[in-house]
Amino acid sequence: MKNNVLENNGNIELLASWIKESKYTVVLTGAGMSTESGIPDFRSKDGWWKNLDPTTVASTYALENKYDLFRDFYIMRINTLKNCKPHIGHKILADWEKRGLVQCIATQNVDRFHHEAGSKNVYELHGNIRTVKCEDCGANGQLEDFVMKKSCSKCGGRLRPNVVLFGESLPYDDFNNAMEAIRKAELVIVIGTSLQVYPVNQLPYLCKGKKVYINMDVDYHSRNFDMVIKGKAGNTLLDIEKYLTKN
């Protein structure tokens, strides 16, 4: 364990220097960024999908054929957010953007914690759970109406969160903007994602510059990156920040 800690510390100091040198840095975040705020994840060994088939609650099939179950699942997720807030890692990334150290964030998370922490240039690759629309007429709806199990005020149709369901395509603008940013990036930092979900898991490899992977679970992805740091998102970002501000 001691050797791993020493190796990580060495990597963190080197990564801080890479961040200072990079003229264009993109951060890609996944569920591991949100779990430290108290949000359950999906694909870890203890994640939601271990005992729950996502196609039964978070898919276009569920929306069309099991709407009550679909709605209850997302109401539960929305209510979970009420007791959660951005952690120190979200705030550090927002501060790096203000200081010009990070140009944008692409995230698989739907909780909008990056926005709440102050990040401005955020691409939501899987949509967000904080806003809703009508599946039938497309009108914007009120989040509270969805939570209270009300219908669309315009047409009486089914309200749903603006998340990407299984069976749907990713948001065109956000995904393409993320691709273009990563293509021109000198440094891409991937934080807290298992990189199991296509097509987002292909994004880091569009970078012609340096690629860094930060996650608690480090496996076969390691060989595809210039640097791998095993650790929690918040703690690791805090350690990097200490080196960035070191005189």
Protein backbone atom coordinates (compact mmCIF):
# COMPACT_ATOMS: atom_id res chain seq x y z
CA MET A 1 0.00 0.00 0.00
CA LYS A 2 2.82 2.40 0.88
CA ASN A 3 4.40 1.97 -2.54
CA ASN A 4 1.06 2.69 -4.23
CA VAL A 5 0.65 5.87 -2.20
CA LEU A 6 4.13 7.01 -3.12
CA GLU A 7 3.52 6.23 -6.78
CA ASN A 8 0.24 8.15 -6.75
CA ASN A 9 1.90 11.13 -5.10
CA GLY A 10 4.54 11.15 -7.80
CA ASN A 11 1.88 10.95 -10.47
CA ILE A 12 -0.15 13.73 -8.87
CA GLU A 13 2.82 16.09 -8.85
CA LEU A 14 3.55 15.26 -12.49
CA LEU A 15 -0.12 15.69 -13.43
CA ALA A 16 -0.15 19.11 -11.80
CA SER A 17 2.73 20.11 -14.06
CA TRP A 18 0.87 18.73 -17.11
CA ILE A 19 -2.18 20.82 -16.20
CA LYS A 20 -0.05 23.95 -15.90
CA GLU A 21 1.60 23.27 -19.28
CA SER A 22 -1.56 22.34 -21.20
CA LYS A 23 -3.19 25.06 -23.27
CA TYR A 24 -6.42 23.07 -23.67
CA THR A 25 -7.61 20.60 -21.04
CA VAL A 26 -10.86 18.64 -21.04
CA VAL A 27 -12.26 16.70 -18.07
CA LEU A 28 -14.58 13.72 -18.56
CA THR A 29 -16.50 12.65 -15.45
CA GLY A 30 -18.64 9.66 -14.55
CA ALA A 31 -20.55 8.17 -11.63
CA GLY A 32 -17.51 8.08 -9.36
CA MET A 33 -17.61 11.86 -9.32
CA SER A 34 -21.17 11.81 -7.94
CA THR A 35 -20.99 8.92 -5.48
CA GLU A 36 -18.91 11.08 -3.15
CA SER A 37 -21.89 13.43 -2.97
CA GLY A 38 -24.08 10.53 -1.85
CA ILE A 39 -25.53 9.53 -5.22
CA PRO A 40 -25.72 5.74 -5.72
CA ASP A 41 -23.83 4.51 -8.77
CA PHE A 42 -24.91 1.92 -11.29
CA ARG A 43 -22.11 -0.29 -12.53
CA SER A 44 -19.83 -0.93 -9.58
CA LYS A 45 -19.98 -4.26 -7.74
CA ASP A 46 -22.52 -2.71 -5.34
CA GLY A 47 -24.25 -0.48 -7.89
CA TRP A 48 -27.97 -0.28 -8.68
CA TRP A 49 -27.73 -2.42 -11.80
CA LYS A 50 -26.42 -5.37 -9.78
CA ASN A 51 -29.95 -6.23 -8.61
CA LEU A 52 -32.00 -4.24 -11.11
CA ASP A 53 -32.31 -4.67 -14.85
CA PRO A 54 -32.03 -1.15 -16.30
CA THR A 55 -34.30 -2.02 -19.21
CA THR A 56 -37.16 -2.53 -16.77
CA VAL A 57 -37.04 1.02 -15.37
CA ALA A 58 -34.74 3.32 -17.39
CA SER A 59 -35.49 2.49 -21.01
CA THR A 60 -37.75 3.61 -23.82
CA TYR A 61 -39.60 0.31 -23.34
CA ALA A 62 -40.30 1.16 -19.69
CA LEU A 63 -41.45 4.65 -20.64
CA GLU A 64 -43.86 3.30 -23.24
CA ASN A 65 -45.08 0.15 -21.51
CA LYS A 66 -44.46 0.51 -17.76
CA TYR A 67 -44.86 4.22 -17.20
CA ASP A 68 -45.84 3.99 -13.52
CA LEU A 69 -42.73 1.96 -12.72
CA PHE A 70 -40.59 4.26 -14.87
CA ARG A 71 -41.96 7.34 -13.12
CA ASP A 72 -41.53 5.88 -9.61
CA PHE A 73 -37.90 5.01 -10.34
CA TYR A 74 -37.05 8.54 -11.47
CA ILE A 75 -39.03 10.17 -8.66
CA MET A 76 -36.91 8.13 -6.26
CA ARG A 77 -33.73 9.33 -7.97
CA ILE A 78 -34.89 12.96 -7.94
CA ASN A 79 -35.77 12.74 -4.25
CA THR A 80 -32.32 11.27 -3.53
CA LEU A 81 -30.76 14.45 -4.95
CA LYS A 82 -32.53 16.65 -2.40
CA ASN A 83 -30.10 15.59 0.33
CA CYS A 84 -26.98 15.74 -1.85
CA LYS A 85 -24.76 18.57 -3.00
CA PRO A 86 -21.52 19.11 -4.94
CA HIS A 87 -18.35 18.07 -3.11
CA ILE A 88 -14.90 19.64 -3.02
CA GLY A 89 -13.91 17.98 -6.31
CA HIS A 90 -16.77 19.65 -8.21
CA LYS A 91 -15.75 23.01 -6.74
CA ILE A 92 -12.09 22.53 -7.63
CA LEU A 93 -12.96 21.79 -11.27
CA ALA A 94 -15.14 24.91 -11.39
CA ASP A 95 -12.27 26.94 -9.99
CA TRP A 96 -9.85 25.48 -12.52
CA GLU A 97 -12.18 26.62 -15.28
CA LYS A 98 -12.21 30.17 -13.85
CA ARG A 99 -8.41 30.12 -13.72
CA GLY A 100 -8.17 28.90 -17.33
CA LEU A 101 -6.70 25.52 -16.36
CA VAL A 102 -9.70 23.57 -17.71
CA GLN A 103 -11.59 24.57 -20.85
CA CYS A 104 -14.65 22.32 -20.49
CA ILE A 105 -16.19 19.34 -18.73
CA ALA A 106 -18.00 16.47 -20.44
CA THR A 107 -20.04 14.44 -17.98
CA GLN A 108 -22.06 11.25 -17.96
CA ASN A 109 -23.76 12.39 -14.76
CA VAL A 110 -27.28 13.78 -14.84
CA ASP A 111 -27.31 15.49 -11.42
CA ARG A 112 -26.04 18.90 -12.58
CA PHE A 113 -23.58 19.12 -9.68
CA HIS A 114 -20.94 20.60 -12.01
CA HIS A 115 -23.32 23.49 -12.76
CA GLU A 116 -24.18 23.92 -9.07
CA ALA A 117 -20.48 24.08 -8.21
CA GLY A 118 -19.99 26.89 -10.73
CA SER A 119 -18.71 25.23 -13.90
CA LYS A 120 -19.98 27.06 -16.99
CA ASN A 121 -18.81 25.03 -19.98
CA VAL A 122 -20.38 21.61 -19.31
CA TYR A 123 -21.51 19.07 -21.89
CA GLU A 124 -24.18 16.73 -20.48
CA LEU A 125 -23.66 13.53 -22.46
CA HIS A 126 -26.55 11.69 -20.80
CA GLY A 127 -28.87 14.66 -20.31
CA ASN A 128 -30.00 15.84 -16.89
CA ILE A 129 -32.57 14.79 -14.31
CA ARG A 130 -33.33 18.31 -13.09
CA THR A 131 -35.60 19.26 -15.99
CA VAL A 132 -38.56 17.47 -17.56
CA LYS A 133 -40.52 17.47 -20.79
CA CYS A 134 -43.65 15.87 -22.16
CA GLU A 135 -42.96 12.67 -24.07
CA ASP A 136 -46.15 13.16 -26.11
CA CYS A 137 -46.07 16.82 -27.21
CA GLY A 138 -42.46 17.77 -26.39
CA ALA A 139 -43.38 20.78 -24.24
CA ASN A 140 -41.20 21.70 -21.29
CA GLY A 141 -42.72 20.70 -17.98
CA GLN A 142 -42.21 21.41 -14.29
CA LEU A 143 -40.05 19.08 -12.22
CA GLU A 144 -42.47 19.34 -9.31
CA ASP A 145 -45.35 18.25 -11.53
CA PHE A 146 -43.44 15.10 -12.45
CA VAL A 147 -42.63 14.35 -8.81
CA MET A 148 -46.29 14.88 -7.88
CA LYS A 149 -47.28 12.46 -10.66
CA LYS A 150 -49.13 15.10 -12.66
CA SER A 151 -49.60 15.04 -16.43
CA CYS A 152 -48.44 17.58 -18.99
CA SER A 153 -50.28 20.88 -18.49
CA LYS A 154 -50.42 21.41 -22.27
CA CYS A 155 -51.72 18.08 -23.57
CA GLY A 156 -52.23 15.77 -20.60
CA GLY A 157 -49.38 13.56 -21.78
CA ARG A 158 -46.59 11.75 -19.92
CA LEU A 159 -43.89 13.84 -18.30
CA ARG A 160 -40.35 12.50 -18.17
CA PRO A 161 -36.89 13.72 -17.11
CA ASN A 162 -34.51 14.98 -19.80
CA VAL A 163 -32.18 12.01 -19.32
CA VAL A 164 -30.95 9.66 -22.03
CA LEU A 165 -32.79 6.36 -21.68
CA PHE A 166 -31.61 2.96 -22.86
CA GLY A 167 -32.73 2.90 -26.48
CA GLU A 168 -32.18 6.63 -27.11
CA SER A 169 -29.35 8.51 -28.80
CA LEU A 170 -27.10 10.92 -26.93
CA PRO A 171 -27.80 14.66 -27.20
CA TYR A 172 -26.34 15.63 -30.58
CA ASP A 173 -24.93 19.05 -29.69
CA ASP A 174 -23.39 18.08 -26.36
CA PHE A 175 -21.79 14.92 -27.71
CA ASN A 176 -20.38 16.59 -30.81
CA ASN A 177 -19.09 19.56 -28.85
CA ALA A 178 -17.37 17.15 -26.45
CA MET A 179 -15.82 15.26 -29.37
CA GLU A 180 -14.47 18.44 -30.93
CA ALA A 181 -13.06 19.64 -27.61
CA ILE A 182 -11.31 16.33 -26.95
CA ARG A 183 -9.88 16.19 -30.47
CA LYS A 184 -8.05 19.46 -29.93
CA ALA A 185 -7.16 18.86 -26.28
CA GLU A 186 -3.55 18.68 -25.16
CA LEU A 187 -4.70 16.92 -21.98
CA VAL A 188 -7.79 14.85 -21.14
CA ILE A 189 -8.47 13.86 -17.53
CA VAL A 190 -11.00 11.05 -17.07
CA ILE A 191 -12.45 10.90 -13.55
CA GLY A 192 -14.70 8.33 -11.91
CA THR A 193 -16.02 6.38 -14.86
CA SER A 194 -15.69 2.68 -15.67
CA LEU A 195 -15.65 3.54 -19.39
CA GLN A 196 -18.09 0.72 -20.09
CA VAL A 197 -20.79 2.71 -21.88
CA TYR A 198 -20.58 3.25 -25.63
CA PRO A 199 -20.06 5.72 -27.27
CA VAL A 200 -18.76 7.86 -24.39
CA ASN A 201 -16.07 5.28 -23.61
CA GLN A 202 -14.49 6.06 -27.00
CA LEU A 203 -14.10 9.79 -26.37
CA PRO A 204 -10.75 9.77 -24.51
CA TYR A 205 -9.04 8.03 -27.41
CA LEU A 206 -9.83 10.94 -29.73
CA CYS A 207 -7.25 12.95 -27.83
CA LYS A 208 -3.86 13.23 -29.51
CA GLY A 209 -2.34 14.66 -26.35
CA LYS A 210 -1.89 13.16 -22.89
CA LYS A 211 -4.62 11.02 -21.31
CA VAL A 212 -5.06 10.55 -17.55
CA TYR A 213 -7.38 8.09 -15.80
CA ILE A 214 -8.47 8.67 -12.18
CA ASN A 215 -10.76 6.07 -10.60
CA MET A 216 -11.14 3.79 -7.59
CA ASP A 217 -11.42 0.73 -9.83
CA VAL A 218 -8.42 0.50 -12.14
CA ASP A 219 -8.35 -2.39 -14.60
CA TYR A 220 -7.59 -3.02 -18.27
CA HIS A 221 -8.13 0.67 -19.12
CA SER A 222 -4.76 1.41 -17.54
CA ARG A 223 -2.73 0.47 -20.58
CA ASN A 224 -4.57 3.00 -22.76
CA PHE A 225 -3.60 6.02 -20.67
CA ASP A 226 -0.40 7.95 -20.14
CA MET A 227 -1.09 8.09 -16.42
CA VAL A 228 -3.36 6.19 -14.01
CA ILE A 229 -4.17 7.33 -10.49
CA LYS A 230 -6.16 5.05 -8.22
CA GLY A 231 -8.22 7.08 -5.78
CA LYS A 232 -11.39 8.96 -5.01
CA ALA A 233 -12.26 11.93 -7.19
CA GLY A 234 -12.52 14.55 -4.46
CA ASN A 235 -9.39 13.57 -2.58
CA THR A 236 -7.32 13.24 -5.75
CA LEU A 237 -8.42 16.61 -7.12
CA LEU A 238 -7.66 18.19 -3.75
CA ASP A 239 -4.16 16.68 -3.81
CA ILE A 240 -3.60 17.98 -7.36
CA GLU A 241 -4.80 21.44 -6.31
CA LYS A 242 -2.21 21.49 -3.51
CA TYR A 243 0.57 20.97 -6.06
CA LEU A 244 -0.94 23.53 -8.43
CA THR A 245 -0.86 26.22 -5.73
CA LYS A 246 2.51 25.19 -4.33
CA ASN A 247 5.10 27.96 -4.56
